[in-house]
C-alpha cells in the first residue's frame, strides 16, 4: 500500500529535504505503522506545535493520518495528474513537489 503524507505550510513555508521529503511524500509500506516509522526516519514529525517547532496558529507541519491507496495517489489522483492541476505559487517551482519512497529502496521525484 502507498501512504500519502501531506505537508502543512506552517509559518507560511513548506520544507524540503532532498530525497527525503517534500510538500507531498508518499511511502510504500505494508501497513500504517510501518509507513509512519519510515516517515519519521526521513525527518517527518507529527508533534511540531507541542515541541515549539511549528506555528500554533497554523498547526503541525505533518499529520499522521495519511491517505492510503494501492498505488501512489494524491487526493485519489495520480501524482502527475495532481501536479498538472496544482495552483502555481502554492507549490515549488524549483524543486520536486512529490517524493515517492518504494519498499525496494527506490525513490521517485516529481
Protein backbone atom coordinates (compact mmCIF):
# COMPACT_ATOMS: atom_id res chain seq x y z
CA UNK A 1 0.00 0.00 0.00
CA UNK A 2 1.02 3.61 -0.50
CA UNK A 3 0.67 6.17 2.29
CA UNK A 4 0.50 9.83 1.23
CA UNK A 5 1.71 12.36 3.80
CA UNK A 6 0.78 15.97 3.01
CA UNK A 7 2.68 18.88 4.49
CA UNK A 8 1.01 21.91 6.05
CA UNK A 9 2.88 25.16 5.37
CA UNK A 10 3.45 26.06 8.99
CA UNK A 11 4.79 29.64 9.31
CA UNK A 12 3.77 30.10 5.66
CA UNK A 13 6.55 27.96 4.19
CA UNK A 14 6.98 24.39 3.03
CA UNK A 15 10.09 22.43 3.94
CA UNK A 16 12.10 20.23 1.59
CA UNK A 17 14.89 17.74 2.17
CA UNK A 18 16.41 16.23 -0.96
CA UNK A 19 15.43 12.57 -1.47
CA UNK A 20 13.66 12.56 1.90
CA UNK A 21 10.51 14.70 1.90
CA UNK A 22 8.73 17.47 0.06
CA UNK A 23 5.27 19.04 0.13
CA UNK A 24 3.86 15.59 -0.53
CA UNK A 25 5.70 12.45 0.47
CA UNK A 26 4.40 9.03 -0.49
CA UNK A 27 5.70 5.91 1.23
CA UNK A 28 5.10 2.34 0.15
CA UNK A 29 4.71 0.14 3.22
CA UNK A 30 2.93 -2.97 4.47
CA UNK A 31 0.83 -1.02 6.98
CA UNK A 32 0.32 2.41 8.54
CA UNK A 33 2.64 1.71 11.47
CA UNK A 34 5.47 0.83 9.09
CA UNK A 35 4.75 3.91 6.94
CA UNK A 36 4.86 6.21 9.96
CA UNK A 37 8.13 4.63 11.13
CA UNK A 38 9.68 5.24 7.70
CA UNK A 39 8.29 8.79 7.64
CA UNK A 40 9.96 9.55 10.98
CA UNK A 41 13.25 8.08 9.70
CA UNK A 42 13.04 10.55 6.79
CA UNK A 43 12.59 13.51 9.16
CA UNK A 44 8.81 13.82 9.09
CA UNK A 45 7.37 14.60 12.53
CA UNK A 46 3.83 14.84 13.88
CA UNK A 47 4.14 16.93 17.04
CA UNK A 48 5.68 20.21 15.89
CA UNK A 49 3.36 22.52 17.80
CA UNK A 50 3.89 20.62 21.06
CA UNK A 51 7.67 20.81 20.55
CA UNK A 52 7.59 24.51 19.63
CA UNK A 53 8.84 23.81 16.07
CA UNK A 54 5.63 24.70 14.23
CA UNK A 55 3.33 27.69 14.37
CA UNK A 56 0.45 27.12 16.83
CA UNK A 57 -1.87 29.16 14.59
CA UNK A 58 -1.01 27.08 11.50
CA UNK A 59 -0.94 23.73 13.33
CA UNK A 60 1.51 20.87 12.92
CA UNK A 61 3.50 20.67 9.71
CA UNK A 62 2.71 16.96 9.25
CA UNK A 63 -0.29 14.84 10.17
CA UNK A 64 -0.14 11.12 10.93
CA UNK A 65 -3.35 10.33 9.06
CA UNK A 66 -2.04 9.60 5.55
CA UNK A 67 -4.21 8.92 2.53
CA UNK A 68 -3.97 5.17 1.74
CA UNK A 69 -4.12 3.72 -1.78
CA UNK A 70 -2.94 0.65 -3.66
CA UNK A 71 -0.77 2.87 -5.89
CA UNK A 72 0.73 6.35 -5.45
CA UNK A 73 -2.15 8.86 -5.28
CA UNK A 74 -2.80 12.40 -4.11
CA UNK A 75 -6.45 13.13 -3.39
CA UNK A 76 -7.31 9.97 -5.38
CA UNK A 77 -5.41 11.20 -8.49
CA UNK A 78 -2.06 10.12 -9.88
CA UNK A 79 0.77 12.41 -8.74
CA UNK A 80 1.37 13.57 -12.32
CA UNK A 81 -2.30 14.43 -12.84
CA UNK A 82 -2.42 16.20 -9.49
CA UNK A 83 0.64 18.31 -10.31
CA UNK A 84 -0.81 19.31 -13.71
CA UNK A 85 -3.72 20.87 -11.84
CA UNK A 86 -1.70 22.31 -8.94
CA UNK A 87 -2.09 26.05 -8.45
CA UNK A 88 1.08 27.95 -9.36
CA UNK A 89 2.62 29.70 -6.42
CA UNK A 90 1.36 27.16 -3.90
CA UNK A 91 3.99 24.58 -4.81
CA UNK A 92 7.72 24.62 -5.50
CA UNK A 93 8.83 25.80 -8.93
CA UNK A 94 12.48 24.90 -8.41
CA UNK A 95 12.43 21.50 -6.66
CA UNK A 96 10.33 18.34 -6.56
CA UNK A 97 6.88 18.70 -5.01
CA UNK A 98 6.36 14.96 -4.60
CA UNK A 99 8.79 12.31 -3.39
CA UNK A 100 7.79 8.66 -3.55
CA UNK A 101 9.66 6.08 -1.47
CA UNK A 102 9.27 2.49 -2.63
CA UNK A 103 9.77 -0.56 -0.41
CA UNK A 104 12.65 -1.73 -2.61
CA UNK A 105 14.57 1.46 -1.70
CA UNK A 106 13.80 3.29 -4.94
CA UNK A 107 12.93 6.97 -4.87
CA UNK A 108 10.93 8.89 -7.47
CA UNK A 109 10.71 12.68 -7.51
CA UNK A 110 8.14 14.75 -9.39
